[in-house]
Amino acid sequence: MDNNKKLLLVSDKKKFRDLAGQVLRKNFNVKFASGGFHALHLIEEEDFEMVVIVGNSEEMPAIELITLLRTGHNQKDLPILFLYSKGSTEMLDAIEAGANGYLPISQNLNPLVKKIQEIAR
């Protein structure tokens, strides 16, 4: 995978951002947003090849962020991957809102890397 591809990971969980950063930086140029508003700001400032949204942040539900990205005039084609908590039914809402894929949140990040590589071609 091309290390120049820019990936934005949105999560308000610092531990997950740190863990995911160690793995994803092997394949991508990764930036982090601590929530939806931070993500929207970064997306206005920079171009990304993909956004990975990890569950809901305290400030903004993931579905709202996906909807805002899809209704933004320049973000309709931006690939979005939604990571959800096990037992949640939000993945269907995420797809309806415009996410390109979803996975359960896990400490094993190999499926995440594979899914990102599939979507961000």
N, C-alpha and C. Protein backbone atom coordinates (compact mmCIF):
# COMPACT_ATOMS: atom_id res chain seq x y z
N MET A 1 0.85 -1.18 0.00
CA MET A 1 0.00 0.00 0.00
C MET A 1 0.89 1.23 0.00
N ASP A 2 0.41 2.28 -0.59
CA ASP A 2 1.14 3.52 -0.76
C ASP A 2 1.18 4.31 0.54
N ASN A 3 2.37 4.51 1.11
CA ASN A 3 2.49 5.25 2.36
C ASN A 3 2.12 6.72 2.23
N ASN A 4 1.95 7.21 1.01
CA ASN A 4 1.56 8.60 0.82
C ASN A 4 0.05 8.79 0.90
N LYS A 5 -0.73 7.71 0.88
CA LYS A 5 -2.18 7.85 1.01
C LYS A 5 -2.50 8.38 2.39
N LYS A 6 -3.30 9.44 2.42
CA LYS A 6 -3.63 10.06 3.70
C LYS A 6 -4.94 9.52 4.24
N LEU A 7 -4.86 9.05 5.46
CA LEU A 7 -5.99 8.45 6.16
C LEU A 7 -6.28 9.28 7.40
N LEU A 8 -7.56 9.58 7.62
CA LEU A 8 -7.96 10.27 8.84
C LEU A 8 -8.69 9.28 9.73
N LEU A 9 -8.19 9.09 10.95
CA LEU A 9 -8.82 8.22 11.92
C LEU A 9 -9.49 9.09 12.98
N VAL A 10 -10.80 8.89 13.15
CA VAL A 10 -11.58 9.70 14.08
C VAL A 10 -11.96 8.83 15.27
N SER A 11 -11.42 9.18 16.44
CA SER A 11 -11.74 8.44 17.67
C SER A 11 -11.46 9.33 18.86
N ASP A 12 -12.36 9.32 19.83
CA ASP A 12 -12.09 10.08 21.05
C ASP A 12 -11.37 9.23 22.09
N LYS A 13 -11.02 8.00 21.72
CA LYS A 13 -10.28 7.10 22.62
C LYS A 13 -8.79 7.14 22.29
N LYS A 14 -8.01 7.81 23.14
CA LYS A 14 -6.58 7.98 22.87
C LYS A 14 -5.85 6.64 22.77
N LYS A 15 -6.19 5.69 23.64
CA LYS A 15 -5.53 4.38 23.60
C LYS A 15 -5.72 3.72 22.23
N PHE A 16 -6.94 3.79 21.70
CA PHE A 16 -7.18 3.18 20.39
C PHE A 16 -6.44 3.93 19.30
N ARG A 17 -6.43 5.26 19.36
CA ARG A 17 -5.68 6.05 18.36
C ARG A 17 -4.21 5.66 18.37
N ASP A 18 -3.63 5.52 19.56
CA ASP A 18 -2.22 5.16 19.67
C ASP A 18 -1.95 3.77 19.09
N LEU A 19 -2.79 2.80 19.45
CA LEU A 19 -2.62 1.44 18.96
C LEU A 19 -2.80 1.39 17.44
N ALA A 20 -3.87 1.98 16.96
CA ALA A 20 -4.14 1.98 15.52
C ALA A 20 -3.05 2.73 14.76
N GLY A 21 -2.55 3.81 15.34
CA GLY A 21 -1.49 4.58 14.69
C GLY A 21 -0.25 3.76 14.45
N GLN A 22 0.14 2.95 15.43
CA GLN A 22 1.33 2.11 15.28
C GLN A 22 1.17 1.15 14.10
N VAL A 23 -0.01 0.59 13.94
CA VAL A 23 -0.24 -0.39 12.87
C VAL A 23 -0.47 0.30 11.53
N LEU A 24 -1.31 1.31 11.50
CA LEU A 24 -1.69 1.94 10.23
C LEU A 24 -0.57 2.76 9.61
N ARG A 25 0.32 3.29 10.42
CA ARG A 25 1.42 4.10 9.87
C ARG A 25 2.39 3.27 9.02
N LYS A 26 2.32 1.96 9.14
CA LYS A 26 3.15 1.11 8.27
C LYS A 26 2.68 1.19 6.82
N ASN A 27 1.41 1.53 6.63
CA ASN A 27 0.82 1.53 5.29
C ASN A 27 0.27 2.88 4.83
N PHE A 28 0.08 3.80 5.75
CA PHE A 28 -0.57 5.07 5.41
C PHE A 28 0.08 6.24 6.13
N ASN A 29 -0.15 7.41 5.59
CA ASN A 29 0.15 8.67 6.27
C ASN A 29 -1.11 8.97 7.09
N VAL A 30 -1.06 8.78 8.40
CA VAL A 30 -2.24 8.83 9.26
C VAL A 30 -2.29 10.14 10.04
N LYS A 31 -3.47 10.75 10.04
CA LYS A 31 -3.77 11.89 10.91
C LYS A 31 -4.89 11.45 11.83
N PHE A 32 -4.99 12.10 12.98
CA PHE A 32 -6.01 11.73 13.96
C PHE A 32 -6.90 12.91 14.28
N ALA A 33 -8.18 12.60 14.48
CA ALA A 33 -9.14 13.58 14.97
C ALA A 33 -9.76 13.01 16.23
N SER A 34 -9.92 13.85 17.24
CA SER A 34 -10.45 13.37 18.52
C SER A 34 -11.97 13.38 18.58
N GLY A 35 -12.61 13.83 17.52
CA GLY A 35 -14.08 13.85 17.47
C GLY A 35 -14.55 14.39 16.14
N GLY A 36 -15.86 14.47 16.01
CA GLY A 36 -16.46 14.88 14.74
C GLY A 36 -16.12 16.29 14.30
N PHE A 37 -16.17 17.24 15.23
CA PHE A 37 -15.86 18.63 14.86
C PHE A 37 -14.40 18.77 14.44
N HIS A 38 -13.52 18.10 15.16
CA HIS A 38 -12.10 18.11 14.81
C HIS A 38 -11.90 17.50 13.42
N ALA A 39 -12.59 16.40 13.14
CA ALA A 39 -12.50 15.74 11.84
C ALA A 39 -12.96 16.68 10.72
N LEU A 40 -14.09 17.34 10.92
CA LEU A 40 -14.61 18.26 9.90
C LEU A 40 -13.61 19.38 9.63
N HIS A 41 -12.99 19.89 10.69
CA HIS A 41 -11.98 20.94 10.52
C HIS A 41 -10.79 20.43 9.70
N LEU A 42 -10.28 19.26 10.04
CA LEU A 42 -9.13 18.71 9.32
C LEU A 42 -9.47 18.44 7.85
N ILE A 43 -10.67 17.96 7.60
CA ILE A 43 -11.08 17.65 6.22
C ILE A 43 -11.22 18.93 5.39
N GLU A 44 -11.60 20.02 6.03
CA GLU A 44 -11.64 21.31 5.32
C GLU A 44 -10.24 21.78 4.96
N GLU A 45 -9.26 21.47 5.80
CA GLU A 45 -7.90 21.95 5.62
C GLU A 45 -7.03 21.07 4.73
N GLU A 46 -7.32 19.75 4.70
CA GLU A 46 -6.46 18.81 3.99
C GLU A 46 -7.29 17.83 3.17
N ASP A 47 -6.64 17.22 2.19
CA ASP A 47 -7.27 16.16 1.40
C ASP A 47 -6.89 14.80 1.98
N PHE A 48 -7.88 13.95 2.15
CA PHE A 48 -7.65 12.60 2.64
C PHE A 48 -8.19 11.60 1.62
N GLU A 49 -7.57 10.43 1.55
CA GLU A 49 -8.05 9.36 0.67
C GLU A 49 -9.13 8.52 1.34
N MET A 50 -9.20 8.61 2.69
CA MET A 50 -10.18 7.81 3.41
C MET A 50 -10.34 8.32 4.83
N VAL A 51 -11.54 8.11 5.40
CA VAL A 51 -11.81 8.44 6.79
C VAL A 51 -12.28 7.16 7.49
N VAL A 52 -11.69 6.88 8.65
CA VAL A 52 -12.12 5.76 9.49
C VAL A 52 -12.71 6.38 10.76
N ILE A 53 -13.99 6.11 10.99
CA ILE A 53 -14.69 6.66 12.16
C ILE A 53 -14.89 5.53 13.16
N VAL A 54 -14.33 5.70 14.35
CA VAL A 54 -14.37 4.66 15.38
C VAL A 54 -15.47 5.01 16.38
N GLY A 55 -16.63 4.42 16.19
CA GLY A 55 -17.75 4.62 17.10
C GLY A 55 -18.19 6.07 17.19
N ASN A 56 -18.99 6.35 18.21
CA ASN A 56 -19.48 7.69 18.47
C ASN A 56 -18.51 8.43 19.37
N SER A 57 -18.32 9.71 19.11
CA SER A 57 -17.55 10.52 20.05
C SER A 57 -18.55 11.20 20.98
N GLU A 58 -18.07 11.71 22.08
CA GLU A 58 -18.96 12.37 23.03
C GLU A 58 -19.61 13.60 22.43
N GLU A 59 -18.93 14.24 21.50
CA GLU A 59 -19.44 15.49 20.94
C GLU A 59 -20.34 15.32 19.72
N MET A 60 -20.21 14.18 19.01
CA MET A 60 -20.99 13.99 17.79
C MET A 60 -21.14 12.51 17.48
N PRO A 61 -22.38 12.06 17.25
CA PRO A 61 -22.57 10.66 16.84
C PRO A 61 -21.92 10.40 15.48
N ALA A 62 -21.42 9.20 15.30
CA ALA A 62 -20.76 8.83 14.04
C ALA A 62 -21.69 8.99 12.85
N ILE A 63 -22.95 8.64 13.01
CA ILE A 63 -23.91 8.74 11.91
C ILE A 63 -24.06 10.20 11.48
N GLU A 64 -24.06 11.11 12.42
CA GLU A 64 -24.14 12.53 12.07
C GLU A 64 -22.90 12.97 11.29
N LEU A 65 -21.72 12.52 11.71
CA LEU A 65 -20.50 12.87 11.00
C LEU A 65 -20.52 12.31 9.58
N ILE A 66 -20.93 11.07 9.42
CA ILE A 66 -21.03 10.47 8.09
C ILE A 66 -21.99 11.28 7.22
N THR A 67 -23.15 11.62 7.77
CA THR A 67 -24.14 12.40 7.03
C THR A 67 -23.57 13.75 6.62
N LEU A 68 -22.88 14.43 7.53
CA LEU A 68 -22.28 15.73 7.21
C LEU A 68 -21.22 15.59 6.11
N LEU A 69 -20.43 14.54 6.16
CA LEU A 69 -19.42 14.32 5.12
C LEU A 69 -20.08 14.05 3.77
N ARG A 70 -21.15 13.31 3.76
CA ARG A 70 -21.83 12.97 2.51
C ARG A 70 -22.60 14.15 1.92
N THR A 71 -23.05 15.06 2.75
CA THR A 71 -23.79 16.20 2.22
C THR A 71 -22.87 17.37 1.89
N GLY A 72 -21.61 17.31 2.34
CA GLY A 72 -20.64 18.34 1.97
C GLY A 72 -20.36 18.26 0.49
N HIS A 73 -20.32 19.38 -0.17
CA HIS A 73 -20.21 19.40 -1.64
C HIS A 73 -18.94 18.74 -2.16
N ASN A 74 -17.88 18.69 -1.39
CA ASN A 74 -16.64 18.11 -1.90
C ASN A 74 -16.27 16.78 -1.24
N GLN A 75 -17.16 16.19 -0.45
CA GLN A 75 -16.83 14.96 0.27
C GLN A 75 -17.72 13.78 -0.09
N LYS A 76 -18.50 13.91 -1.15
CA LYS A 76 -19.46 12.85 -1.49
C LYS A 76 -18.78 11.54 -1.87
N ASP A 77 -17.57 11.61 -2.42
CA ASP A 77 -16.88 10.40 -2.87
C ASP A 77 -15.79 9.93 -1.92
N LEU A 78 -15.60 10.61 -0.80
CA LEU A 78 -14.57 10.24 0.16
C LEU A 78 -14.93 8.90 0.80
N PRO A 79 -14.09 7.88 0.67
CA PRO A 79 -14.39 6.58 1.30
C PRO A 79 -14.43 6.71 2.83
N ILE A 80 -15.46 6.12 3.42
CA ILE A 80 -15.65 6.16 4.87
C ILE A 80 -15.82 4.73 5.37
N LEU A 81 -15.04 4.38 6.40
CA LEU A 81 -15.16 3.09 7.07
C LEU A 81 -15.60 3.37 8.50
N PHE A 82 -16.64 2.66 8.95
CA PHE A 82 -17.19 2.84 10.28
C PHE A 82 -16.86 1.63 11.14
N LEU A 83 -16.24 1.87 12.29
CA LEU A 83 -15.97 0.82 13.27
C LEU A 83 -16.97 0.95 14.40
N TYR A 84 -17.67 -0.12 14.71
CA TYR A 84 -18.75 -0.08 15.68
C TYR A 84 -18.48 -1.03 16.84
N SER A 85 -19.13 -0.76 17.96
CA SER A 85 -19.03 -1.62 19.14
C SER A 85 -19.80 -2.91 18.90
N LYS A 86 -19.24 -4.02 19.38
CA LYS A 86 -19.94 -5.30 19.26
C LYS A 86 -21.31 -5.19 19.93
N GLY A 87 -22.29 -5.78 19.30
CA GLY A 87 -23.65 -5.74 19.85
C GLY A 87 -24.44 -4.54 19.37
N SER A 88 -23.79 -3.61 18.70
CA SER A 88 -24.47 -2.42 18.19
C SER A 88 -25.13 -2.73 16.86
N THR A 89 -26.21 -2.04 16.58
CA THR A 89 -26.87 -2.18 15.28
C THR A 89 -26.61 -0.97 14.40
N GLU A 90 -25.69 -0.12 14.81
CA GLU A 90 -25.43 1.13 14.09
C GLU A 90 -24.80 0.93 12.72
N MET A 91 -24.24 -0.23 12.45
CA MET A 91 -23.57 -0.41 11.17
C MET A 91 -24.57 -0.26 10.02
N LEU A 92 -25.80 -0.68 10.20
CA LEU A 92 -26.80 -0.52 9.15
C LEU A 92 -27.12 0.96 8.94
N ASP A 93 -27.23 1.71 10.03
CA ASP A 93 -27.46 3.15 9.93
C ASP A 93 -26.28 3.83 9.25
N ALA A 94 -25.07 3.36 9.54
CA ALA A 94 -23.87 3.95 8.93
C ALA A 94 -23.87 3.74 7.42
N ILE A 95 -24.24 2.55 6.97
CA ILE A 95 -24.30 2.28 5.53
C ILE A 95 -25.38 3.14 4.88
N GLU A 96 -26.54 3.24 5.52
CA GLU A 96 -27.61 4.08 4.99
C GLU A 96 -27.19 5.54 4.92
N ALA A 97 -26.37 5.98 5.87
CA ALA A 97 -25.90 7.38 5.89
C ALA A 97 -24.81 7.62 4.84
N GLY A 98 -24.18 6.53 4.35
CA GLY A 98 -23.19 6.72 3.30
C GLY A 98 -21.82 6.10 3.55
N ALA A 99 -21.66 5.35 4.62
CA ALA A 99 -20.37 4.68 4.85
C ALA A 99 -20.15 3.62 3.78
N ASN A 100 -18.89 3.40 3.42
CA ASN A 100 -18.56 2.41 2.39
C ASN A 100 -18.34 1.02 2.97
N GLY A 101 -18.19 0.93 4.28
CA GLY A 101 -17.98 -0.36 4.91
C GLY A 101 -17.99 -0.21 6.42
N TYR A 102 -17.99 -1.35 7.10
CA TYR A 102 -17.98 -1.34 8.55
C TYR A 102 -17.30 -2.59 9.08
N LEU A 103 -16.80 -2.46 10.30
CA LEU A 103 -16.16 -3.56 11.01
C LEU A 103 -16.41 -3.37 12.51
N PRO A 104 -16.43 -4.47 13.28
CA PRO A 104 -16.48 -4.30 14.74
C PRO A 104 -15.14 -3.78 15.26
N ILE A 105 -15.19 -2.98 16.29
CA ILE A 105 -13.97 -2.49 16.93
C ILE A 105 -13.28 -3.69 17.58
N SER A 106 -11.96 -3.80 17.36
CA SER A 106 -11.22 -4.94 17.89
C SER A 106 -9.78 -4.53 18.17
N GLN A 107 -9.15 -5.22 19.09
CA GLN A 107 -7.72 -5.01 19.35
C GLN A 107 -6.87 -5.61 18.24
N ASN A 108 -7.44 -6.59 17.51
CA ASN A 108 -6.76 -7.18 16.36
C ASN A 108 -7.02 -6.26 15.17
N LEU A 109 -5.99 -5.57 14.74
CA LEU A 109 -6.16 -4.56 13.69
C LEU A 109 -5.91 -5.09 12.28
N ASN A 110 -5.57 -6.37 12.14
CA ASN A 110 -5.34 -6.93 10.81
C ASN A 110 -6.58 -6.83 9.91
N PRO A 111 -7.79 -7.15 10.42
CA PRO A 111 -8.97 -6.98 9.56
C PRO A 111 -9.20 -5.52 9.16
N LEU A 112 -8.86 -4.59 10.04
CA LEU A 112 -8.99 -3.17 9.72
C LEU A 112 -8.06 -2.78 8.58
N VAL A 113 -6.82 -3.19 8.66
CA VAL A 113 -5.85 -2.88 7.60
C VAL A 113 -6.33 -3.46 6.27
N LYS A 114 -6.79 -4.70 6.29
CA LYS A 114 -7.26 -5.34 5.06
C LYS A 114 -8.46 -4.61 4.48
N LYS A 115 -9.41 -4.23 5.32
CA LYS A 115 -10.62 -3.54 4.85
C LYS A 115 -10.26 -2.16 4.28
N ILE A 116 -9.36 -1.45 4.93
CA ILE A 116 -8.92 -0.15 4.42
C ILE A 116 -8.28 -0.33 3.04
N GLN A 117 -7.45 -1.33 2.90
CA GLN A 117 -6.80 -1.58 1.62
C GLN A 117 -7.82 -1.90 0.53
N GLU A 118 -8.88 -2.60 0.87
CA GLU A 118 -9.93 -2.93 -0.10
C GLU A 118 -10.68 -1.67 -0.53
N ILE A 119 -11.03 -0.83 0.42
CA ILE A 119 -11.88 0.34 0.14
C ILE A 119 -11.08 1.48 -0.49
N ALA A 120 -9.84 1.68 -0.06
CA ALA A 120 -9.07 2.86 -0.47
C ALA A 120 -8.23 2.62 -1.72
N ARG A 121 -8.62 1.74 -2.56
CA ARG A 121 -7.82 1.48 -3.78
C ARG A 121 -7.78 2.65 -4.69
